[in-house]
N, C-alpha and C. Protein backbone atom coordinates (compact mmCIF):
# COMPACT_ATOMS: atom_id res chain seq x y z
N ASP A 1 0.83 -1.21 0.00
CA ASP A 1 0.00 0.00 0.00
C ASP A 1 0.86 1.25 0.00
N MET A 2 1.99 1.19 0.71
CA MET A 2 2.88 2.34 0.75
C MET A 2 3.39 2.68 -0.65
N PHE A 3 3.83 1.66 -1.40
CA PHE A 3 4.33 1.91 -2.74
C PHE A 3 3.20 2.27 -3.70
N ASN A 4 2.01 1.73 -3.48
CA ASN A 4 0.88 2.12 -4.31
C ASN A 4 0.56 3.59 -4.14
N ASP A 5 0.66 4.09 -2.89
CA ASP A 5 0.41 5.51 -2.66
C ASP A 5 1.46 6.36 -3.37
N ILE A 6 2.71 5.91 -3.34
CA ILE A 6 3.79 6.69 -3.94
C ILE A 6 3.62 6.75 -5.45
N PHE A 7 3.36 5.59 -6.07
CA PHE A 7 3.35 5.52 -7.53
C PHE A 7 1.94 5.59 -8.12
N GLY A 8 0.97 5.82 -7.25
CA GLY A 8 -0.38 6.02 -7.77
C GLY A 8 -1.06 4.77 -8.24
N GLY A 9 -0.64 3.60 -7.71
CA GLY A 9 -1.25 2.35 -8.13
C GLY A 9 -2.61 2.15 -7.52
N GLN A 10 -3.32 1.13 -8.00
CA GLN A 10 -4.65 0.80 -7.49
C GLN A 10 -4.52 -0.18 -6.35
N ARG A 11 -5.22 0.07 -5.26
CA ARG A 11 -5.20 -0.85 -4.13
C ARG A 11 -6.08 -2.05 -4.44
N ARG A 12 -5.66 -3.15 -3.88
CA ARG A 12 -6.43 -4.39 -4.07
C ARG A 12 -7.48 -4.52 -2.98
N GLY A 13 -8.61 -5.09 -3.34
CA GLY A 13 -9.62 -5.41 -2.34
C GLY A 13 -9.35 -6.79 -1.80
N GLY A 14 -10.32 -7.33 -1.06
CA GLY A 14 -10.18 -8.70 -0.55
C GLY A 14 -9.39 -8.72 0.73
N ALA A 15 -8.76 -9.88 1.02
CA ALA A 15 -8.08 -10.09 2.29
C ALA A 15 -6.96 -9.09 2.47
N GLY A 16 -7.07 -8.29 3.51
CA GLY A 16 -6.04 -7.33 3.83
C GLY A 16 -6.04 -6.11 2.95
N GLY A 17 -6.88 -6.04 1.93
CA GLY A 17 -6.91 -4.90 1.03
C GLY A 17 -7.74 -3.79 1.59
N ALA A 18 -7.58 -2.59 0.99
CA ALA A 18 -8.32 -1.45 1.49
C ALA A 18 -9.59 -1.25 0.73
N GLY A 19 -9.73 -1.61 -0.49
CA GLY A 19 -10.86 -1.59 -1.40
C GLY A 19 -12.17 -1.13 -0.85
N GLY A 20 -12.21 -0.29 0.20
CA GLY A 20 -13.46 0.26 0.70
C GLY A 20 -14.13 -0.61 1.72
N GLY A 21 -13.71 -1.85 1.90
CA GLY A 21 -14.37 -2.73 2.86
C GLY A 21 -13.51 -2.98 4.07
N GLN A 22 -14.03 -3.79 4.97
CA GLN A 22 -13.30 -4.12 6.19
C GLN A 22 -12.14 -5.06 5.88
N ARG A 23 -11.13 -5.00 6.72
CA ARG A 23 -9.98 -5.89 6.56
C ARG A 23 -10.37 -7.31 6.95
N VAL A 24 -9.91 -8.25 6.17
CA VAL A 24 -10.18 -9.67 6.41
C VAL A 24 -8.86 -10.35 6.77
N TYR A 25 -8.87 -11.10 7.86
CA TYR A 25 -7.65 -11.76 8.33
C TYR A 25 -7.88 -13.26 8.45
N ARG A 26 -6.87 -14.02 8.03
CA ARG A 26 -6.90 -15.47 8.19
C ARG A 26 -6.66 -15.82 9.65
N GLY A 27 -7.35 -16.86 10.13
CA GLY A 27 -7.18 -17.30 11.50
C GLY A 27 -5.83 -17.96 11.72
N ALA A 28 -5.40 -18.01 12.96
CA ALA A 28 -4.10 -18.60 13.30
C ALA A 28 -4.16 -20.13 13.22
N ASP A 29 -3.02 -20.75 12.92
CA ASP A 29 -2.91 -22.21 12.94
C ASP A 29 -2.79 -22.70 14.38
N LEU A 30 -3.26 -23.91 14.61
CA LEU A 30 -3.17 -24.53 15.93
C LEU A 30 -2.35 -25.81 15.85
N SER A 31 -1.75 -26.19 16.97
CA SER A 31 -0.95 -27.41 17.04
C SER A 31 -1.47 -28.29 18.18
N TYR A 32 -1.52 -29.60 17.92
CA TYR A 32 -2.02 -30.56 18.91
C TYR A 32 -1.05 -31.74 18.96
N SER A 33 -0.56 -32.10 20.14
CA SER A 33 0.34 -33.25 20.31
C SER A 33 -0.48 -34.49 20.62
N LEU A 34 -0.35 -35.50 19.77
CA LEU A 34 -1.10 -36.75 19.93
C LEU A 34 -0.14 -37.89 20.23
N GLU A 35 -0.30 -38.51 21.39
CA GLU A 35 0.57 -39.60 21.81
C GLU A 35 -0.04 -40.93 21.36
N ILE A 36 0.78 -41.73 20.66
CA ILE A 36 0.30 -43.02 20.17
C ILE A 36 1.30 -44.11 20.54
N SER A 37 0.85 -45.35 20.48
CA SER A 37 1.73 -46.49 20.79
C SER A 37 2.51 -46.91 19.56
N LEU A 38 3.53 -47.72 19.77
CA LEU A 38 4.33 -48.25 18.66
C LEU A 38 3.46 -49.07 17.72
N GLU A 39 2.55 -49.86 18.26
CA GLU A 39 1.68 -50.69 17.43
C GLU A 39 0.77 -49.83 16.56
N ASP A 40 0.24 -48.73 17.13
CA ASP A 40 -0.60 -47.83 16.34
C ASP A 40 0.20 -47.19 15.22
N ALA A 41 1.46 -46.84 15.51
CA ALA A 41 2.31 -46.23 14.49
C ALA A 41 2.61 -47.22 13.36
N ALA A 42 2.80 -48.48 13.71
CA ALA A 42 3.15 -49.48 12.72
C ALA A 42 1.96 -49.88 11.85
N ARG A 43 0.79 -50.01 12.44
CA ARG A 43 -0.37 -50.55 11.73
C ARG A 43 -1.38 -49.49 11.30
N GLY A 44 -1.22 -48.26 11.81
CA GLY A 44 -2.23 -47.24 11.53
C GLY A 44 -3.33 -47.30 12.57
N HIS A 45 -4.00 -46.18 12.75
CA HIS A 45 -4.99 -46.12 13.83
C HIS A 45 -5.94 -44.95 13.58
N ASP A 46 -7.21 -45.17 13.84
CA ASP A 46 -8.21 -44.10 13.78
C ASP A 46 -8.59 -43.72 15.21
N THR A 47 -8.59 -42.44 15.51
CA THR A 47 -8.90 -41.99 16.85
C THR A 47 -9.66 -40.68 16.80
N GLN A 48 -10.06 -40.18 17.94
CA GLN A 48 -10.76 -38.91 18.06
C GLN A 48 -10.02 -38.03 19.05
N ILE A 49 -10.02 -36.73 18.76
CA ILE A 49 -9.43 -35.76 19.69
C ILE A 49 -10.44 -34.65 19.94
N ARG A 50 -10.29 -34.00 21.09
CA ARG A 50 -11.14 -32.86 21.43
C ARG A 50 -10.33 -31.59 21.26
N ILE A 51 -10.83 -30.66 20.47
CA ILE A 51 -10.11 -29.42 20.20
C ILE A 51 -11.02 -28.22 20.46
N PRO A 52 -10.44 -27.07 20.78
CA PRO A 52 -11.26 -25.88 20.99
C PRO A 52 -11.77 -25.33 19.66
N THR A 53 -12.95 -24.77 19.68
CA THR A 53 -13.53 -24.15 18.49
C THR A 53 -14.35 -22.94 18.93
N TRP A 54 -14.74 -22.14 17.97
CA TRP A 54 -15.54 -20.95 18.26
C TRP A 54 -16.88 -21.07 17.55
N GLU A 55 -17.94 -20.70 18.26
CA GLU A 55 -19.28 -20.69 17.68
C GLU A 55 -19.91 -19.32 17.86
N SER A 56 -20.83 -19.01 16.97
CA SER A 56 -21.53 -17.73 17.06
C SER A 56 -22.30 -17.64 18.37
N CYS A 57 -22.19 -16.51 19.03
CA CYS A 57 -22.86 -16.30 20.32
C CYS A 57 -24.38 -16.31 20.12
N GLY A 58 -25.05 -17.16 20.88
CA GLY A 58 -26.50 -17.25 20.75
C GLY A 58 -27.24 -16.09 21.38
N THR A 59 -26.61 -15.40 22.31
CA THR A 59 -27.27 -14.27 22.98
C THR A 59 -27.40 -13.07 22.06
N CYS A 60 -26.32 -12.75 21.35
CA CYS A 60 -26.34 -11.58 20.46
C CYS A 60 -26.41 -11.95 18.99
N ASN A 61 -26.55 -13.26 18.69
CA ASN A 61 -26.60 -13.76 17.31
C ASN A 61 -25.36 -13.37 16.50
N GLY A 62 -24.23 -13.30 17.20
CA GLY A 62 -22.98 -13.05 16.52
C GLY A 62 -22.65 -11.59 16.26
N THR A 63 -23.51 -10.67 16.71
CA THR A 63 -23.24 -9.25 16.45
C THR A 63 -22.24 -8.67 17.44
N GLY A 64 -22.11 -9.27 18.62
CA GLY A 64 -21.24 -8.75 19.66
C GLY A 64 -21.87 -7.65 20.49
N ALA A 65 -23.04 -7.19 20.09
CA ALA A 65 -23.71 -6.09 20.80
C ALA A 65 -24.76 -6.64 21.76
N LYS A 66 -24.95 -5.96 22.84
CA LYS A 66 -25.97 -6.33 23.82
C LYS A 66 -27.34 -6.38 23.15
N PRO A 67 -28.15 -7.40 23.46
CA PRO A 67 -29.49 -7.49 22.84
C PRO A 67 -30.25 -6.18 23.01
N GLY A 68 -30.85 -5.72 21.92
CA GLY A 68 -31.58 -4.44 21.92
C GLY A 68 -30.73 -3.28 21.45
N THR A 69 -29.41 -3.51 21.30
CA THR A 69 -28.51 -2.47 20.81
C THR A 69 -27.85 -2.96 19.53
N SER A 70 -27.07 -2.11 18.91
CA SER A 70 -26.38 -2.49 17.68
C SER A 70 -25.02 -1.82 17.62
N ALA A 71 -24.14 -2.38 16.79
CA ALA A 71 -22.82 -1.80 16.58
C ALA A 71 -22.93 -0.57 15.69
N LYS A 72 -21.96 0.33 15.83
CA LYS A 72 -21.93 1.55 15.04
C LYS A 72 -20.67 1.58 14.19
N THR A 73 -20.77 2.26 13.06
CA THR A 73 -19.61 2.39 12.19
C THR A 73 -18.52 3.20 12.89
N CYS A 74 -17.29 2.69 12.82
CA CYS A 74 -16.17 3.37 13.45
C CYS A 74 -15.95 4.73 12.79
N GLY A 75 -15.92 5.79 13.61
CA GLY A 75 -15.76 7.13 13.07
C GLY A 75 -14.33 7.46 12.69
N HIS A 76 -13.38 6.65 13.12
CA HIS A 76 -11.98 6.94 12.83
C HIS A 76 -11.56 6.40 11.46
N CYS A 77 -12.12 5.27 11.05
CA CYS A 77 -11.77 4.69 9.75
C CYS A 77 -12.95 4.66 8.80
N ASN A 78 -14.11 5.21 9.25
CA ASN A 78 -15.33 5.23 8.43
C ASN A 78 -15.76 3.84 7.98
N GLY A 79 -15.51 2.85 8.83
CA GLY A 79 -15.95 1.48 8.54
C GLY A 79 -14.99 0.67 7.70
N GLY A 80 -13.87 1.27 7.27
CA GLY A 80 -12.94 0.55 6.41
C GLY A 80 -12.02 -0.39 7.16
N GLY A 81 -11.83 -0.17 8.46
CA GLY A 81 -10.96 -1.03 9.26
C GLY A 81 -9.49 -0.65 9.20
N THR A 82 -9.14 0.33 8.36
CA THR A 82 -7.74 0.77 8.25
C THR A 82 -7.68 2.28 8.26
N VAL A 83 -6.55 2.79 8.69
CA VAL A 83 -6.30 4.24 8.67
C VAL A 83 -4.94 4.48 8.03
N HIS A 84 -4.76 5.68 7.49
CA HIS A 84 -3.50 6.05 6.86
C HIS A 84 -2.76 7.05 7.73
N MET A 85 -1.49 6.80 7.90
CA MET A 85 -0.63 7.73 8.63
C MET A 85 0.45 8.21 7.67
N ARG A 86 0.54 9.52 7.53
CA ARG A 86 1.52 10.09 6.61
C ARG A 86 2.74 10.56 7.39
N GLN A 87 3.89 10.07 6.97
CA GLN A 87 5.15 10.45 7.58
C GLN A 87 6.06 11.02 6.50
N GLY A 88 5.98 12.34 6.34
CA GLY A 88 6.75 13.00 5.30
C GLY A 88 6.31 12.54 3.92
N PHE A 89 7.23 11.92 3.19
CA PHE A 89 6.94 11.50 1.83
C PHE A 89 6.10 10.22 1.78
N PHE A 90 6.10 9.47 2.90
CA PHE A 90 5.47 8.15 2.91
C PHE A 90 4.07 8.22 3.53
N SER A 91 3.18 7.39 2.99
CA SER A 91 1.85 7.19 3.56
C SER A 91 1.72 5.73 3.94
N ILE A 92 1.52 5.47 5.22
CA ILE A 92 1.51 4.09 5.72
C ILE A 92 0.10 3.72 6.15
N GLN A 93 -0.39 2.61 5.65
CA GLN A 93 -1.71 2.10 6.01
C GLN A 93 -1.57 1.09 7.12
N GLN A 94 -2.40 1.20 8.16
CA GLN A 94 -2.34 0.25 9.26
C GLN A 94 -3.75 -0.02 9.77
N THR A 95 -3.87 -1.10 10.55
CA THR A 95 -5.16 -1.46 11.14
C THR A 95 -5.62 -0.36 12.08
N CYS A 96 -6.89 -0.04 12.00
CA CYS A 96 -7.45 1.00 12.86
C CYS A 96 -7.30 0.58 14.33
N PRO A 97 -6.66 1.39 15.16
CA PRO A 97 -6.46 1.00 16.56
C PRO A 97 -7.72 1.09 17.41
N HIS A 98 -8.75 1.73 16.90
CA HIS A 98 -9.98 1.91 17.67
C HIS A 98 -10.96 0.74 17.50
N CYS A 99 -11.08 0.24 16.26
CA CYS A 99 -12.00 -0.89 16.02
C CYS A 99 -11.25 -2.19 15.74
N HIS A 100 -9.89 -2.15 15.74
CA HIS A 100 -9.04 -3.33 15.51
C HIS A 100 -9.35 -4.01 14.18
N GLY A 101 -9.68 -3.20 13.17
CA GLY A 101 -9.89 -3.73 11.83
C GLY A 101 -11.29 -4.18 11.51
N SER A 102 -12.18 -4.16 12.49
CA SER A 102 -13.55 -4.63 12.24
C SER A 102 -14.41 -3.60 11.54
N GLY A 103 -14.05 -2.32 11.65
CA GLY A 103 -14.85 -1.26 11.03
C GLY A 103 -16.04 -0.83 11.85
N LYS A 104 -16.21 -1.46 13.02
CA LYS A 104 -17.37 -1.16 13.86
C LYS A 104 -16.97 -0.97 15.31
N ILE A 105 -17.72 -0.15 15.99
CA ILE A 105 -17.55 0.07 17.42
C ILE A 105 -18.81 -0.41 18.13
N ILE A 106 -18.64 -1.15 19.22
CA ILE A 106 -19.80 -1.67 19.97
C ILE A 106 -19.89 -0.90 21.29
N PRO A 107 -20.84 0.04 21.39
CA PRO A 107 -20.97 0.83 22.62
C PRO A 107 -21.33 -0.02 23.84
N GLU A 108 -22.21 -1.01 23.64
CA GLU A 108 -22.65 -1.88 24.74
C GLU A 108 -22.42 -3.34 24.35
N PRO A 109 -21.27 -3.90 24.73
CA PRO A 109 -20.96 -5.27 24.35
C PRO A 109 -21.88 -6.29 25.01
N CYS A 110 -22.05 -7.40 24.33
CA CYS A 110 -22.80 -8.53 24.87
C CYS A 110 -22.05 -9.09 26.07
N ARG A 111 -22.76 -9.41 27.14
CA ARG A 111 -22.12 -9.89 28.36
C ARG A 111 -21.59 -11.31 28.21
N ASP A 112 -22.23 -12.12 27.38
CA ASP A 112 -21.82 -13.52 27.26
C ASP A 112 -20.55 -13.69 26.42
N CYS A 113 -20.34 -12.84 25.43
CA CYS A 113 -19.16 -12.98 24.56
C CYS A 113 -18.22 -11.79 24.66
N ASN A 114 -18.56 -10.82 25.52
CA ASN A 114 -17.74 -9.62 25.70
C ASN A 114 -17.50 -8.86 24.41
N GLY A 115 -18.50 -8.90 23.53
CA GLY A 115 -18.41 -8.14 22.29
C GLY A 115 -17.74 -8.86 21.14
N ALA A 116 -17.25 -10.08 21.38
CA ALA A 116 -16.54 -10.81 20.33
C ALA A 116 -17.50 -11.40 19.29
N GLY A 117 -18.75 -11.63 19.68
CA GLY A 117 -19.72 -12.22 18.76
C GLY A 117 -19.60 -13.73 18.65
N ARG A 118 -18.70 -14.31 19.41
CA ARG A 118 -18.52 -15.75 19.37
C ARG A 118 -18.07 -16.24 20.74
N VAL A 119 -18.31 -17.51 21.02
CA VAL A 119 -17.96 -18.10 22.30
C VAL A 119 -17.15 -19.38 22.04
N LYS A 120 -16.30 -19.71 23.00
CA LYS A 120 -15.42 -20.87 22.86
C LYS A 120 -16.13 -22.15 23.26
N LYS A 121 -15.99 -23.17 22.44
CA LYS A 121 -16.59 -24.48 22.69
C LYS A 121 -15.54 -25.57 22.47
N GLN A 122 -15.95 -26.81 22.62
CA GLN A 122 -15.11 -27.96 22.33
C GLN A 122 -15.79 -28.81 21.26
N LYS A 123 -15.00 -29.34 20.32
CA LYS A 123 -15.56 -30.23 19.31
C LYS A 123 -14.68 -31.45 19.15
N THR A 124 -15.29 -32.52 18.65
CA THR A 124 -14.58 -33.78 18.43
C THR A 124 -14.15 -33.88 16.97
N LEU A 125 -12.88 -34.25 16.75
CA LEU A 125 -12.36 -34.36 15.40
C LEU A 125 -11.80 -35.76 15.17
N GLU A 126 -12.15 -36.34 14.04
CA GLU A 126 -11.64 -37.66 13.67
C GLU A 126 -10.23 -37.51 13.09
N VAL A 127 -9.30 -38.34 13.58
CA VAL A 127 -7.92 -38.31 13.10
C VAL A 127 -7.55 -39.70 12.60
N LYS A 128 -7.11 -39.79 11.35
CA LYS A 128 -6.68 -41.06 10.75
C LYS A 128 -5.15 -41.08 10.71
N ILE A 129 -4.57 -42.00 11.46
CA ILE A 129 -3.11 -42.13 11.53
C ILE A 129 -2.68 -43.19 10.53
N PRO A 130 -1.91 -42.83 9.51
CA PRO A 130 -1.50 -43.83 8.52
C PRO A 130 -0.46 -44.79 9.07
N ALA A 131 -0.44 -45.99 8.54
CA ALA A 131 0.54 -47.00 8.96
C ALA A 131 1.95 -46.53 8.62
N GLY A 132 2.88 -46.75 9.54
CA GLY A 132 4.27 -46.40 9.32
C GLY A 132 4.64 -44.97 9.66
N ILE A 133 3.73 -44.24 10.28
CA ILE A 133 4.03 -42.85 10.63
C ILE A 133 5.14 -42.80 11.67
N ASP A 134 5.93 -41.73 11.64
CA ASP A 134 7.10 -41.66 12.50
C ASP A 134 6.95 -40.54 13.52
N GLU A 135 7.75 -40.62 14.55
CA GLU A 135 7.79 -39.60 15.60
C GLU A 135 8.05 -38.22 14.99
N GLY A 136 7.27 -37.22 15.41
CA GLY A 136 7.48 -35.86 14.96
C GLY A 136 6.75 -35.48 13.69
N MET A 137 6.19 -36.45 12.98
CA MET A 137 5.42 -36.12 11.77
C MET A 137 4.15 -35.37 12.15
N ARG A 138 3.66 -34.55 11.22
CA ARG A 138 2.48 -33.74 11.48
C ARG A 138 1.39 -34.03 10.45
N LEU A 139 0.16 -34.15 10.93
CA LEU A 139 -1.00 -34.34 10.08
C LEU A 139 -1.77 -33.03 10.02
N ARG A 140 -2.03 -32.54 8.81
CA ARG A 140 -2.69 -31.24 8.63
C ARG A 140 -4.19 -31.42 8.42
N HIS A 141 -4.97 -30.67 9.19
CA HIS A 141 -6.42 -30.66 9.03
C HIS A 141 -6.83 -29.23 8.68
N ALA A 142 -7.07 -29.02 7.39
CA ALA A 142 -7.34 -27.67 6.89
C ALA A 142 -8.65 -27.13 7.47
N GLY A 143 -8.62 -25.86 7.87
CA GLY A 143 -9.83 -25.18 8.31
C GLY A 143 -10.25 -25.47 9.73
N HIS A 144 -9.43 -26.20 10.50
CA HIS A 144 -9.78 -26.51 11.88
C HIS A 144 -8.95 -25.72 12.89
N GLY A 145 -8.30 -24.65 12.43
CA GLY A 145 -7.60 -23.76 13.34
C GLY A 145 -8.53 -22.67 13.85
N GLU A 146 -7.95 -21.56 14.29
CA GLU A 146 -8.76 -20.47 14.79
C GLU A 146 -9.51 -19.80 13.64
N PRO A 147 -10.74 -19.33 13.89
CA PRO A 147 -11.50 -18.66 12.83
C PRO A 147 -10.86 -17.33 12.46
N GLY A 148 -11.11 -16.90 11.22
CA GLY A 148 -10.59 -15.62 10.76
C GLY A 148 -11.40 -14.45 11.29
N VAL A 149 -10.87 -13.26 11.05
CA VAL A 149 -11.53 -12.01 11.47
C VAL A 149 -12.30 -11.45 10.28
N ASN A 150 -13.51 -10.95 10.55
CA ASN A 150 -14.38 -10.40 9.51
C ASN A 150 -14.66 -11.43 8.41
N ASN A 151 -15.03 -12.63 8.85
CA ASN A 151 -15.35 -13.74 7.94
C ASN A 151 -14.15 -14.19 7.11
N GLY A 152 -12.95 -13.96 7.62
CA GLY A 152 -11.76 -14.46 6.95
C GLY A 152 -11.65 -15.97 7.09
N PRO A 153 -10.81 -16.63 6.27
CA PRO A 153 -10.69 -18.09 6.33
C PRO A 153 -10.07 -18.54 7.65
N ALA A 154 -10.49 -19.72 8.10
CA ALA A 154 -9.95 -20.28 9.34
C ALA A 154 -8.54 -20.81 9.10
N GLY A 155 -7.75 -20.86 10.15
CA GLY A 155 -6.42 -21.44 10.07
C GLY A 155 -6.49 -22.96 10.02
N ASP A 156 -5.36 -23.61 10.05
CA ASP A 156 -5.28 -25.07 9.98
C ASP A 156 -4.88 -25.64 11.34
N LEU A 157 -5.22 -26.90 11.54
CA LEU A 157 -4.80 -27.64 12.74
C LEU A 157 -3.73 -28.65 12.34
N TYR A 158 -2.61 -28.65 13.05
CA TYR A 158 -1.53 -29.60 12.81
C TYR A 158 -1.44 -30.56 14.00
N VAL A 159 -1.66 -31.84 13.73
CA VAL A 159 -1.58 -32.88 14.76
C VAL A 159 -0.18 -33.48 14.71
N GLU A 160 0.61 -33.24 15.75
CA GLU A 160 1.98 -33.74 15.80
C GLU A 160 2.03 -35.07 16.54
N ILE A 161 2.70 -36.04 15.93
CA ILE A 161 2.74 -37.40 16.48
C ILE A 161 3.86 -37.53 17.51
N VAL A 162 3.48 -38.01 18.70
CA VAL A 162 4.44 -38.31 19.76
C VAL A 162 4.30 -39.80 20.08
N GLU A 163 5.39 -40.55 19.91
CA GLU A 163 5.33 -42.00 20.10
C GLU A 163 5.71 -42.38 21.52
N LYS A 164 4.86 -43.15 22.17
CA LYS A 164 5.15 -43.62 23.53
C LYS A 164 6.34 -44.57 23.52
N GLN A 165 7.08 -44.58 24.60
CA GLN A 165 8.19 -45.53 24.72
C GLN A 165 7.63 -46.92 24.95
N ASP A 166 8.06 -47.85 24.12
CA ASP A 166 7.56 -49.22 24.22
C ASP A 166 8.39 -50.00 25.23
N PRO A 167 7.75 -50.84 26.06
CA PRO A 167 8.50 -51.59 27.08
C PRO A 167 9.37 -52.70 26.51
N VAL A 168 9.13 -53.12 25.26
CA VAL A 168 9.86 -54.25 24.69
C VAL A 168 10.78 -53.82 23.55
N PHE A 169 10.25 -52.99 22.64
CA PHE A 169 10.97 -52.67 21.41
C PHE A 169 11.54 -51.25 21.44
N GLU A 170 12.64 -51.10 20.73
CA GLU A 170 13.21 -49.78 20.45
C GLU A 170 13.17 -49.59 18.94
N ARG A 171 12.57 -48.48 18.51
CA ARG A 171 12.38 -48.26 17.08
C ARG A 171 13.58 -47.56 16.46
N ASP A 172 13.96 -48.02 15.27
CA ASP A 172 15.02 -47.39 14.49
C ASP A 172 14.51 -47.27 13.05
N GLY A 173 13.76 -46.18 12.79
CA GLY A 173 13.12 -46.05 11.48
C GLY A 173 12.04 -47.10 11.31
N ASP A 174 12.19 -47.96 10.31
CA ASP A 174 11.23 -49.06 10.11
C ASP A 174 11.67 -50.35 10.79
N ASP A 175 12.84 -50.34 11.42
CA ASP A 175 13.35 -51.54 12.10
C ASP A 175 13.03 -51.49 13.59
N LEU A 176 12.95 -52.66 14.20
CA LEU A 176 12.73 -52.78 15.64
C LEU A 176 13.87 -53.56 16.28
N HIS A 177 14.28 -53.13 17.45
CA HIS A 177 15.32 -53.83 18.21
C HIS A 177 14.74 -54.28 19.55
N CYS A 178 15.13 -55.45 19.99
CA CYS A 178 14.73 -55.90 21.33
C CYS A 178 15.83 -56.80 21.90
N SER A 179 15.90 -56.82 23.21
CA SER A 179 16.88 -57.67 23.90
C SER A 179 16.17 -58.89 24.47
N VAL A 180 16.75 -60.07 24.25
CA VAL A 180 16.14 -61.33 24.69
C VAL A 180 17.13 -62.09 25.59
N PRO A 181 16.74 -62.40 26.82
CA PRO A 181 17.62 -63.21 27.67
C PRO A 181 17.67 -64.67 27.17
N VAL A 182 18.86 -65.24 27.18
CA VAL A 182 19.06 -66.59 26.68
C VAL A 182 19.77 -67.42 27.76
N PRO A 183 19.28 -68.62 28.07
CA PRO A 183 19.99 -69.49 29.03
C PRO A 183 21.42 -69.78 28.57
N LEU A 184 22.31 -69.88 29.52
CA LEU A 184 23.71 -70.12 29.20
C LEU A 184 23.91 -71.41 28.41
N THR A 185 23.14 -72.42 28.76
CA THR A 185 23.30 -73.71 28.06
C THR A 185 22.87 -73.60 26.60
N THR A 186 21.79 -72.82 26.33
CA THR A 186 21.33 -72.65 24.95
C THR A 186 22.35 -71.86 24.14
N ALA A 187 22.93 -70.84 24.76
CA ALA A 187 23.95 -70.06 24.06
C ALA A 187 25.18 -70.89 23.77
N ALA A 188 25.53 -71.77 24.69
CA ALA A 188 26.74 -72.57 24.52
C ALA A 188 26.53 -73.72 23.54
N LEU A 189 25.39 -74.40 23.65
CA LEU A 189 25.16 -75.60 22.85
C LEU A 189 24.32 -75.34 21.61
N GLY A 190 23.68 -74.15 21.54
CA GLY A 190 22.81 -73.85 20.42
C GLY A 190 21.40 -74.37 20.66
N GLY A 191 20.42 -73.86 19.90
CA GLY A 191 19.04 -74.29 20.04
C GLY A 191 18.07 -73.20 19.59
N ASP A 192 16.79 -73.53 19.65
CA ASP A 192 15.75 -72.58 19.23
C ASP A 192 15.26 -71.78 20.43
N ILE A 193 15.01 -70.48 20.20
CA ILE A 193 14.42 -69.63 21.24
C ILE A 193 13.26 -68.83 20.63
N GLU A 194 12.33 -68.41 21.49
CA GLU A 194 11.22 -67.58 21.05
C GLU A 194 11.57 -66.11 21.26
N VAL A 195 11.21 -65.29 20.28
CA VAL A 195 11.44 -63.84 20.39
C VAL A 195 10.13 -63.12 20.10
N PRO A 196 9.89 -61.97 20.73
CA PRO A 196 8.64 -61.24 20.48
C PRO A 196 8.72 -60.44 19.18
N THR A 197 7.58 -60.29 18.52
CA THR A 197 7.43 -59.39 17.37
C THR A 197 6.08 -58.70 17.52
N LEU A 198 5.81 -57.68 16.70
CA LEU A 198 4.51 -57.01 16.75
C LEU A 198 3.37 -57.93 16.33
N GLY A 199 3.72 -58.99 15.57
CA GLY A 199 2.70 -59.92 15.12
C GLY A 199 2.60 -61.17 15.97
N GLY A 200 3.29 -61.21 17.09
CA GLY A 200 3.27 -62.41 17.95
C GLY A 200 4.67 -62.97 18.13
N LYS A 201 4.73 -64.22 18.59
CA LYS A 201 6.02 -64.87 18.85
C LYS A 201 6.62 -65.43 17.56
N ALA A 202 7.94 -65.43 17.51
CA ALA A 202 8.65 -66.05 16.39
C ALA A 202 9.82 -66.84 16.95
N GLU A 203 10.30 -67.81 16.18
CA GLU A 203 11.42 -68.64 16.61
C GLU A 203 12.65 -68.35 15.77
N ILE A 204 13.79 -68.31 16.44
CA ILE A 204 15.06 -68.23 15.72
C ILE A 204 15.98 -69.31 16.28
N GLU A 205 16.89 -69.74 15.46
CA GLU A 205 17.84 -70.79 15.86
C GLU A 205 19.17 -70.15 16.21
N LEU A 206 19.65 -70.41 17.42
CA LEU A 206 20.95 -69.91 17.85
C LEU A 206 22.02 -70.94 17.52
N PRO A 207 23.08 -70.50 16.88
CA PRO A 207 24.18 -71.45 16.62
C PRO A 207 24.97 -71.74 17.89
N GLU A 208 25.68 -72.82 17.88
CA GLU A 208 26.51 -73.20 19.03
C GLU A 208 27.56 -72.12 19.31
N GLY A 209 27.73 -71.77 20.58
CA GLY A 209 28.74 -70.80 20.97
C GLY A 209 28.34 -69.35 20.75
N THR A 210 27.04 -69.07 20.78
CA THR A 210 26.59 -67.68 20.62
C THR A 210 27.08 -66.82 21.77
N GLN A 211 27.68 -65.68 21.43
CA GLN A 211 28.25 -64.79 22.43
C GLN A 211 27.24 -63.76 22.91
N HIS A 212 27.46 -63.26 24.13
CA HIS A 212 26.62 -62.20 24.69
C HIS A 212 26.68 -60.93 23.81
N GLY A 213 25.53 -60.34 23.51
CA GLY A 213 25.47 -59.14 22.70
C GLY A 213 25.37 -59.39 21.21
N LYS A 214 25.37 -60.65 20.78
CA LYS A 214 25.26 -60.97 19.37
C LYS A 214 23.88 -60.54 18.84
N THR A 215 23.83 -59.95 17.65
CA THR A 215 22.58 -59.48 17.06
C THR A 215 22.16 -60.41 15.94
N PHE A 216 20.90 -60.81 15.96
CA PHE A 216 20.32 -61.62 14.90
C PHE A 216 19.19 -60.81 14.24
N ARG A 217 19.00 -61.02 12.96
CA ARG A 217 18.00 -60.27 12.21
C ARG A 217 16.87 -61.17 11.71
N LEU A 218 15.64 -60.76 11.94
CA LEU A 218 14.47 -61.40 11.35
C LEU A 218 13.88 -60.44 10.32
N ARG A 219 13.91 -60.85 9.08
CA ARG A 219 13.38 -59.97 8.03
C ARG A 219 11.88 -59.78 8.20
């Protein structure tokens, strides 16, 4: 806008534009940490989470004004939501500090929403965790963040995966490691032992003279 004022360009309307209307702002993104088990990470899992959301205030029907009253056009920005400040050669456009970009002033705010026109609630969201997801990965849910200002688009919700420590396995990417105690006689003479896997028990054959700390691989 500053350069448009200097060079005589046309201002754009829409989100953040001055085009004679109120400023529209996108809502902020939200982050949610979801703790899952190793088995859920390996096989995939569908779950539900509770997240905060905003709903139109039923008392004032979303106007933000006390019932029986109404909002008035801001006299400082004439309802545009922005004001211009000239500093020498430059003209700087900024959000109106009196109406905070809404273009309206509420003389008597609604008591239930304090003039915001909306109230905070909780909603349930379905989350589908794909098989093989890793620690720290994020799942994006578009439009489930904070609502925008002046009917602007809502932000996004990012569900960050936190994997619980497993009592048996240690994860290394797509591989799993586990420690199995072996009787001294089996290690010395060789034989079959049972080892745990995510799919149940499996058997491996130990060769004669297996040493402590030896690693065996099951594909």
